[in-house]
Amino acid sequence: MPSFTLIWLLAGAVLCLMELFLPSSFVAFMMGISAFVVALLSRVGLGNVWLQVLLWLLVSTLLIVLSRRFLQPRQRKSKIQDAVIAETLTEIPPGKTGRVLYEGNSWQARCDDDKFTVPPHQKVYVVRREGTTLIVIPDNLLNS
């Protein structure tokens, strides 16, 4: 019967080295680290192979999720340089939503300044999106 500790160590080493040659956004590396954890646990007495495989899957999943959460760069909010032009279809009252024509479709939109009313048929800039609502700034607010 083969030593499962040695198998887990080899699998961990292969997975970690694989990350160097075939980058996978740390997925292979995290799976390799979890194989090292299982090798350590198998060395101290975790003998059931199926339990080792299940533990490896759970630890791999946990490490991948945590690495995504902490290592992946945060998406930045759009700045006005990234703004795209749209046109209001309806009035956008202060603090409420209206409709804009954006990329050929009607979207729900809200003005970024909740004290300002945007009249219909006015050019606006889409500065970001919150769910299915576009956040816009009127053209005349930028030019004043």
N, C-alpha and C. Protein backbone atom coordinates (compact mmCIF):
# COMPACT_ATOMS: atom_id res chain seq x y z
N MET A 1 0.85 -1.18 0.00
CA MET A 1 0.00 0.00 0.00
C MET A 1 0.90 1.25 0.00
N PRO A 2 0.66 2.18 -0.95
CA PRO A 2 1.52 3.36 -1.06
C PRO A 2 1.31 4.30 0.13
N SER A 3 2.32 5.08 0.37
CA SER A 3 2.23 6.08 1.43
C SER A 3 1.44 7.28 0.90
N PHE A 4 0.28 7.50 1.51
CA PHE A 4 -0.57 8.59 1.03
C PHE A 4 0.05 9.95 1.34
N THR A 5 0.86 10.03 2.37
CA THR A 5 1.55 11.29 2.68
C THR A 5 2.45 11.68 1.53
N LEU A 6 3.21 10.69 1.01
CA LEU A 6 4.10 10.97 -0.11
C LEU A 6 3.31 11.36 -1.37
N ILE A 7 2.20 10.70 -1.61
CA ILE A 7 1.35 11.02 -2.77
C ILE A 7 0.83 12.45 -2.67
N TRP A 8 0.36 12.84 -1.47
CA TRP A 8 -0.16 14.20 -1.28
C TRP A 8 0.96 15.24 -1.43
N LEU A 9 2.15 14.92 -0.93
CA LEU A 9 3.29 15.84 -1.08
C LEU A 9 3.66 16.03 -2.55
N LEU A 10 3.69 14.92 -3.30
CA LEU A 10 3.99 15.02 -4.73
C LEU A 10 2.91 15.79 -5.48
N ALA A 11 1.65 15.51 -5.15
CA ALA A 11 0.55 16.23 -5.80
C ALA A 11 0.63 17.72 -5.49
N GLY A 12 0.94 18.06 -4.24
CA GLY A 12 1.08 19.47 -3.86
C GLY A 12 2.21 20.15 -4.61
N ALA A 13 3.35 19.45 -4.71
CA ALA A 13 4.49 20.03 -5.42
C ALA A 13 4.19 20.22 -6.90
N VAL A 14 3.55 19.22 -7.51
CA VAL A 14 3.19 19.33 -8.94
C VAL A 14 2.23 20.48 -9.16
N LEU A 15 1.21 20.60 -8.31
CA LEU A 15 0.22 21.68 -8.48
C LEU A 15 0.86 23.06 -8.28
N CYS A 16 1.72 23.18 -7.27
CA CYS A 16 2.37 24.48 -7.04
C CYS A 16 3.32 24.84 -8.19
N LEU A 17 4.06 23.87 -8.70
CA LEU A 17 4.95 24.13 -9.83
C LEU A 17 4.17 24.40 -11.11
N MET A 18 3.03 23.75 -11.23
CA MET A 18 2.19 23.97 -12.41
C MET A 18 1.75 25.43 -12.50
N GLU A 19 1.55 26.06 -11.34
CA GLU A 19 1.16 27.47 -11.32
C GLU A 19 2.23 28.36 -11.94
N LEU A 20 3.51 27.94 -11.80
CA LEU A 20 4.60 28.72 -12.40
C LEU A 20 4.57 28.68 -13.92
N PHE A 21 4.24 27.53 -14.47
CA PHE A 21 4.30 27.35 -15.92
C PHE A 21 2.97 27.59 -16.62
N LEU A 22 1.88 27.33 -15.95
CA LEU A 22 0.54 27.54 -16.51
C LEU A 22 -0.27 28.37 -15.51
N PRO A 23 -0.09 29.69 -15.50
CA PRO A 23 -0.77 30.52 -14.51
C PRO A 23 -2.30 30.31 -14.56
N SER A 24 -2.85 30.08 -13.38
CA SER A 24 -4.30 29.82 -13.29
C SER A 24 -4.95 30.68 -12.21
N SER A 25 -4.44 31.89 -12.03
CA SER A 25 -4.97 32.82 -11.02
C SER A 25 -4.93 32.22 -9.63
N PHE A 26 -3.85 31.53 -9.32
CA PHE A 26 -3.60 30.92 -8.01
C PHE A 26 -4.48 29.71 -7.70
N VAL A 27 -5.27 29.24 -8.65
CA VAL A 27 -6.12 28.07 -8.38
C VAL A 27 -5.24 26.83 -8.15
N ALA A 28 -4.33 26.55 -9.06
CA ALA A 28 -3.46 25.38 -8.91
C ALA A 28 -2.59 25.51 -7.66
N PHE A 29 -2.11 26.72 -7.39
CA PHE A 29 -1.28 26.94 -6.22
C PHE A 29 -2.06 26.65 -4.93
N MET A 30 -3.29 27.14 -4.85
CA MET A 30 -4.11 26.90 -3.66
C MET A 30 -4.46 25.42 -3.51
N MET A 31 -4.67 24.73 -4.63
CA MET A 31 -4.92 23.29 -4.57
C MET A 31 -3.67 22.55 -4.09
N GLY A 32 -2.49 23.04 -4.49
CA GLY A 32 -1.24 22.46 -4.03
C GLY A 32 -1.02 22.68 -2.55
N ILE A 33 -1.33 23.87 -2.08
CA ILE A 33 -1.21 24.16 -0.64
C ILE A 33 -2.14 23.26 0.16
N SER A 34 -3.36 23.08 -0.34
CA SER A 34 -4.30 22.20 0.38
C SER A 34 -3.82 20.75 0.35
N ALA A 35 -3.12 20.34 -0.71
CA ALA A 35 -2.54 18.98 -0.75
C ALA A 35 -1.45 18.85 0.31
N PHE A 36 -0.68 19.90 0.53
CA PHE A 36 0.33 19.88 1.60
C PHE A 36 -0.33 19.77 2.97
N VAL A 37 -1.45 20.47 3.15
CA VAL A 37 -2.19 20.40 4.43
C VAL A 37 -2.68 18.97 4.66
N VAL A 38 -3.24 18.36 3.62
CA VAL A 38 -3.73 16.98 3.75
C VAL A 38 -2.57 16.01 3.99
N ALA A 39 -1.41 16.27 3.35
CA ALA A 39 -0.23 15.42 3.59
C ALA A 39 0.18 15.48 5.05
N LEU A 40 0.16 16.67 5.60
CA LEU A 40 0.50 16.84 7.01
C LEU A 40 -0.49 16.10 7.91
N LEU A 41 -1.78 16.22 7.59
CA LEU A 41 -2.80 15.54 8.38
C LEU A 41 -2.74 14.03 8.22
N SER A 42 -2.40 13.56 7.01
CA SER A 42 -2.28 12.11 6.83
C SER A 42 -1.07 11.57 7.59
N ARG A 43 -0.06 12.40 7.75
CA ARG A 43 1.13 11.99 8.49
C ARG A 43 0.85 11.85 9.98
N VAL A 44 -0.07 12.71 10.50
CA VAL A 44 -0.36 12.65 11.93
C VAL A 44 -1.52 11.72 12.26
N GLY A 45 -2.06 11.02 11.28
CA GLY A 45 -3.03 9.99 11.61
C GLY A 45 -4.33 9.98 10.86
N LEU A 46 -4.57 10.89 9.94
CA LEU A 46 -5.80 10.86 9.14
C LEU A 46 -5.62 9.79 8.07
N GLY A 47 -6.14 8.58 8.32
CA GLY A 47 -5.83 7.45 7.47
C GLY A 47 -6.83 7.17 6.36
N ASN A 48 -8.07 7.56 6.51
CA ASN A 48 -9.09 7.24 5.52
C ASN A 48 -8.86 8.07 4.24
N VAL A 49 -8.66 7.39 3.11
CA VAL A 49 -8.34 8.05 1.84
C VAL A 49 -9.49 8.94 1.39
N TRP A 50 -10.73 8.45 1.52
CA TRP A 50 -11.87 9.24 1.07
C TRP A 50 -12.04 10.49 1.92
N LEU A 51 -11.73 10.39 3.19
CA LEU A 51 -11.77 11.56 4.06
C LEU A 51 -10.67 12.55 3.67
N GLN A 52 -9.52 12.04 3.27
CA GLN A 52 -8.43 12.91 2.81
C GLN A 52 -8.83 13.66 1.54
N VAL A 53 -9.44 12.93 0.61
CA VAL A 53 -9.87 13.56 -0.65
C VAL A 53 -10.94 14.62 -0.37
N LEU A 54 -11.89 14.30 0.49
CA LEU A 54 -12.94 15.26 0.84
C LEU A 54 -12.34 16.49 1.52
N LEU A 55 -11.40 16.26 2.42
CA LEU A 55 -10.73 17.37 3.09
C LEU A 55 -9.95 18.22 2.09
N TRP A 56 -9.28 17.57 1.15
CA TRP A 56 -8.54 18.30 0.13
C TRP A 56 -9.47 19.19 -0.70
N LEU A 57 -10.62 18.64 -1.08
CA LEU A 57 -11.58 19.42 -1.86
C LEU A 57 -12.10 20.61 -1.05
N LEU A 58 -12.41 20.40 0.20
CA LEU A 58 -12.93 21.48 1.04
C LEU A 58 -11.89 22.56 1.28
N VAL A 59 -10.67 22.15 1.62
CA VAL A 59 -9.61 23.13 1.87
C VAL A 59 -9.26 23.87 0.58
N SER A 60 -9.23 23.17 -0.55
CA SER A 60 -8.95 23.82 -1.83
C SER A 60 -10.00 24.88 -2.14
N THR A 61 -11.26 24.50 -1.97
CA THR A 61 -12.35 25.45 -2.24
C THR A 61 -12.25 26.67 -1.33
N LEU A 62 -12.00 26.43 -0.06
CA LEU A 62 -11.88 27.52 0.90
C LEU A 62 -10.72 28.45 0.55
N LEU A 63 -9.58 27.89 0.23
CA LEU A 63 -8.42 28.72 -0.11
C LEU A 63 -8.64 29.50 -1.41
N ILE A 64 -9.29 28.89 -2.38
CA ILE A 64 -9.56 29.59 -3.64
C ILE A 64 -10.51 30.75 -3.41
N VAL A 65 -11.57 30.52 -2.65
CA VAL A 65 -12.53 31.59 -2.36
C VAL A 65 -11.84 32.72 -1.59
N LEU A 66 -11.05 32.37 -0.58
CA LEU A 66 -10.36 33.40 0.19
C LEU A 66 -9.33 34.15 -0.65
N SER A 67 -8.63 33.44 -1.53
CA SER A 67 -7.65 34.13 -2.37
C SER A 67 -8.34 35.09 -3.33
N ARG A 68 -9.49 34.73 -3.83
CA ARG A 68 -10.25 35.63 -4.71
C ARG A 68 -10.67 36.88 -3.94
N ARG A 69 -11.09 36.66 -2.71
CA ARG A 69 -11.59 37.79 -1.92
C ARG A 69 -10.47 38.76 -1.54
N PHE A 70 -9.30 38.23 -1.19
CA PHE A 70 -8.24 39.09 -0.68
C PHE A 70 -7.16 39.44 -1.69
N LEU A 71 -6.96 38.63 -2.71
CA LEU A 71 -5.88 38.89 -3.66
C LEU A 71 -6.34 39.54 -4.95
N GLN A 72 -7.60 39.38 -5.30
CA GLN A 72 -8.10 39.93 -6.55
C GLN A 72 -8.27 41.44 -6.40
N PRO A 73 -7.81 42.20 -7.38
CA PRO A 73 -7.95 43.66 -7.27
C PRO A 73 -9.43 44.07 -7.25
N ARG A 74 -9.71 45.05 -6.44
CA ARG A 74 -11.08 45.56 -6.34
C ARG A 74 -11.43 46.30 -7.62
N GLN A 75 -12.68 46.17 -8.03
CA GLN A 75 -13.11 46.93 -9.19
C GLN A 75 -13.28 48.38 -8.76
N ARG A 76 -12.68 49.24 -9.52
CA ARG A 76 -12.78 50.65 -9.17
C ARG A 76 -14.07 51.24 -9.71
N LYS A 77 -14.52 52.27 -9.04
CA LYS A 77 -15.70 52.98 -9.51
C LYS A 77 -15.32 53.74 -10.77
N SER A 78 -16.27 53.89 -11.67
CA SER A 78 -16.01 54.64 -12.89
C SER A 78 -15.75 56.09 -12.56
N LYS A 79 -14.86 56.67 -13.30
CA LYS A 79 -14.58 58.09 -13.17
C LYS A 79 -15.18 58.78 -14.39
N ILE A 80 -15.20 60.08 -14.36
CA ILE A 80 -15.83 60.83 -15.45
C ILE A 80 -15.10 60.61 -16.78
N GLN A 81 -13.78 60.25 -16.73
CA GLN A 81 -13.07 59.99 -17.97
C GLN A 81 -13.64 58.75 -18.67
N ASP A 82 -14.22 57.84 -17.88
CA ASP A 82 -14.78 56.62 -18.45
C ASP A 82 -16.24 56.80 -18.83
N ALA A 83 -16.77 58.00 -18.65
CA ALA A 83 -18.21 58.23 -18.83
C ALA A 83 -18.62 58.02 -20.29
N VAL A 84 -19.86 57.58 -20.44
CA VAL A 84 -20.43 57.34 -21.75
C VAL A 84 -21.68 58.22 -21.86
N ILE A 85 -21.93 58.73 -23.05
CA ILE A 85 -23.05 59.65 -23.25
C ILE A 85 -24.36 58.88 -23.39
N ALA A 86 -25.41 59.41 -22.78
CA ALA A 86 -26.77 58.89 -22.91
C ALA A 86 -27.70 60.09 -23.04
N GLU A 87 -29.00 59.83 -23.23
CA GLU A 87 -29.99 60.91 -23.33
C GLU A 87 -31.20 60.54 -22.49
N THR A 88 -31.69 61.51 -21.74
CA THR A 88 -32.86 61.24 -20.89
C THR A 88 -34.10 61.10 -21.75
N LEU A 89 -34.91 60.11 -21.42
CA LEU A 89 -36.20 59.92 -22.09
C LEU A 89 -37.31 60.56 -21.28
N THR A 90 -37.17 60.50 -19.96
CA THR A 90 -38.15 61.12 -19.05
C THR A 90 -37.39 62.03 -18.10
N GLU A 91 -38.14 62.83 -17.37
CA GLU A 91 -37.52 63.67 -16.35
C GLU A 91 -36.99 62.79 -15.23
N ILE A 92 -35.86 63.18 -14.68
CA ILE A 92 -35.30 62.49 -13.51
C ILE A 92 -35.43 63.46 -12.34
N PRO A 93 -36.44 63.25 -11.48
CA PRO A 93 -36.63 64.14 -10.33
C PRO A 93 -35.51 63.97 -9.31
N PRO A 94 -35.33 64.97 -8.44
CA PRO A 94 -34.26 64.89 -7.42
C PRO A 94 -34.43 63.66 -6.53
N GLY A 95 -33.38 62.84 -6.44
CA GLY A 95 -33.39 61.66 -5.59
C GLY A 95 -34.24 60.51 -6.10
N LYS A 96 -34.86 60.64 -7.27
CA LYS A 96 -35.71 59.58 -7.83
C LYS A 96 -35.11 59.10 -9.14
N THR A 97 -35.78 58.12 -9.74
CA THR A 97 -35.27 57.58 -11.00
C THR A 97 -36.14 58.01 -12.16
N GLY A 98 -35.54 58.01 -13.32
CA GLY A 98 -36.22 58.26 -14.58
C GLY A 98 -35.68 57.27 -15.60
N ARG A 99 -35.87 57.58 -16.88
CA ARG A 99 -35.40 56.68 -17.93
C ARG A 99 -34.43 57.42 -18.84
N VAL A 100 -33.38 56.71 -19.28
CA VAL A 100 -32.43 57.25 -20.25
C VAL A 100 -32.27 56.27 -21.40
N LEU A 101 -31.90 56.80 -22.55
CA LEU A 101 -31.58 55.97 -23.70
C LEU A 101 -30.07 55.79 -23.71
N TYR A 102 -29.63 54.56 -23.51
CA TYR A 102 -28.21 54.25 -23.40
C TYR A 102 -27.92 53.03 -24.25
N GLU A 103 -26.99 53.17 -25.20
CA GLU A 103 -26.61 52.10 -26.12
C GLU A 103 -27.83 51.48 -26.80
N GLY A 104 -28.79 52.32 -27.17
CA GLY A 104 -29.96 51.87 -27.91
C GLY A 104 -31.06 51.25 -27.07
N ASN A 105 -30.90 51.22 -25.74
CA ASN A 105 -31.91 50.64 -24.85
C ASN A 105 -32.33 51.64 -23.79
N SER A 106 -33.54 51.46 -23.30
CA SER A 106 -34.05 52.30 -22.23
C SER A 106 -33.61 51.72 -20.89
N TRP A 107 -32.97 52.55 -20.09
CA TRP A 107 -32.47 52.14 -18.77
C TRP A 107 -33.07 53.02 -17.69
N GLN A 108 -33.21 52.44 -16.52
CA GLN A 108 -33.58 53.23 -15.35
C GLN A 108 -32.33 54.02 -14.94
N ALA A 109 -32.52 55.30 -14.57
CA ALA A 109 -31.37 56.12 -14.23
C ALA A 109 -31.70 57.06 -13.07
N ARG A 110 -30.65 57.42 -12.35
CA ARG A 110 -30.77 58.37 -11.25
C ARG A 110 -29.61 59.36 -11.37
N CYS A 111 -29.90 60.62 -11.03
CA CYS A 111 -28.87 61.65 -11.09
C CYS A 111 -27.91 61.47 -9.91
N ASP A 112 -26.63 61.66 -10.17
CA ASP A 112 -25.62 61.53 -9.14
C ASP A 112 -25.80 62.60 -8.06
N ASP A 113 -26.28 63.77 -8.45
CA ASP A 113 -26.58 64.85 -7.51
C ASP A 113 -28.07 64.77 -7.19
N ASP A 114 -28.41 64.32 -5.97
CA ASP A 114 -29.81 64.08 -5.65
C ASP A 114 -30.60 65.35 -5.36
N LYS A 115 -30.02 66.53 -5.63
CA LYS A 115 -30.75 67.79 -5.47
C LYS A 115 -31.09 68.41 -6.81
N PHE A 116 -30.77 67.72 -7.88
CA PHE A 116 -30.90 68.29 -9.22
C PHE A 116 -31.95 67.54 -10.04
N THR A 117 -32.79 68.28 -10.76
CA THR A 117 -33.76 67.69 -11.68
C THR A 117 -33.17 67.70 -13.08
N VAL A 118 -33.27 66.56 -13.76
CA VAL A 118 -32.77 66.47 -15.13
C VAL A 118 -33.99 66.40 -16.05
N PRO A 119 -34.15 67.38 -16.94
CA PRO A 119 -35.31 67.37 -17.85
C PRO A 119 -35.18 66.30 -18.93
N PRO A 120 -36.29 65.96 -19.59
CA PRO A 120 -36.22 64.97 -20.67
C PRO A 120 -35.45 65.51 -21.88
N HIS A 121 -34.95 64.61 -22.69
CA HIS A 121 -34.22 64.90 -23.93
C HIS A 121 -32.98 65.73 -23.69
N GLN A 122 -32.28 65.46 -22.59
CA GLN A 122 -31.03 66.15 -22.30
C GLN A 122 -29.89 65.14 -22.33
N LYS A 123 -28.76 65.61 -22.83
CA LYS A 123 -27.57 64.77 -22.87
C LYS A 123 -27.04 64.62 -21.44
N VAL A 124 -26.74 63.36 -21.06
CA VAL A 124 -26.18 63.07 -19.75
C VAL A 124 -24.99 62.14 -19.92
N TYR A 125 -24.15 62.09 -18.90
CA TYR A 125 -23.01 61.18 -18.88
C TYR A 125 -23.28 60.08 -17.86
N VAL A 126 -23.12 58.84 -18.29
CA VAL A 126 -23.25 57.70 -17.38
C VAL A 126 -21.90 57.55 -16.69
N VAL A 127 -21.91 57.72 -15.35
CA VAL A 127 -20.64 57.65 -14.62
C VAL A 127 -20.43 56.31 -13.93
N ARG A 128 -21.52 55.59 -13.65
CA ARG A 128 -21.39 54.25 -13.07
C ARG A 128 -22.74 53.56 -13.14
N ARG A 129 -22.74 52.30 -12.72
CA ARG A 129 -23.96 51.52 -12.71
C ARG A 129 -24.11 50.88 -11.34
N GLU A 130 -25.29 50.95 -10.78
CA GLU A 130 -25.61 50.29 -9.51
C GLU A 130 -26.75 49.32 -9.79
N GLY A 131 -26.39 48.05 -9.96
CA GLY A 131 -27.40 47.06 -10.33
C GLY A 131 -27.89 47.34 -11.74
N THR A 132 -29.20 47.57 -11.88
CA THR A 132 -29.76 47.87 -13.20
C THR A 132 -30.08 49.36 -13.35
N THR A 133 -29.58 50.17 -12.43
CA THR A 133 -29.80 51.61 -12.48
C THR A 133 -28.50 52.30 -12.86
N LEU A 134 -28.58 53.17 -13.87
CA LEU A 134 -27.42 53.95 -14.28
C LEU A 134 -27.39 55.24 -13.46
N ILE A 135 -26.20 55.64 -13.04
CA ILE A 135 -26.02 56.89 -12.33
C ILE A 135 -25.46 57.88 -13.34
N VAL A 136 -26.16 59.00 -13.52
CA VAL A 136 -25.82 59.94 -14.58
C VAL A 136 -25.54 61.33 -14.02
N ILE A 137 -24.83 62.11 -14.82
CA ILE A 137 -24.58 63.52 -14.54
C ILE A 137 -25.00 64.29 -15.79
N PRO A 138 -25.82 65.33 -15.63
CA PRO A 138 -26.23 66.11 -16.80
C PRO A 138 -25.04 66.85 -17.43
N ASP A 139 -25.11 67.00 -18.73
CA ASP A 139 -24.06 67.68 -19.48
C ASP A 139 -23.87 69.10 -18.98
N ASN A 140 -24.96 69.81 -18.73
CA ASN A 140 -24.85 71.21 -18.31
C ASN A 140 -24.24 71.36 -16.91
N LEU A 141 -24.31 70.33 -16.08
CA LEU A 141 -23.67 70.39 -14.77
C LEU A 141 -22.16 70.32 -14.90
N LEU A 142 -21.69 69.58 -15.90
CA LEU A 142 -20.25 69.46 -16.11
C LEU A 142 -19.66 70.70 -16.78
N ASN A 143 -20.45 71.33 -17.64
CA ASN A 143 -19.94 72.48 -18.40
C ASN A 143 -20.08 73.80 -17.66
N SER A 144 -20.74 73.78 -16.49
CA SER A 144 -20.90 75.06 -15.76
C SER A 144 -19.81 75.27 -14.76
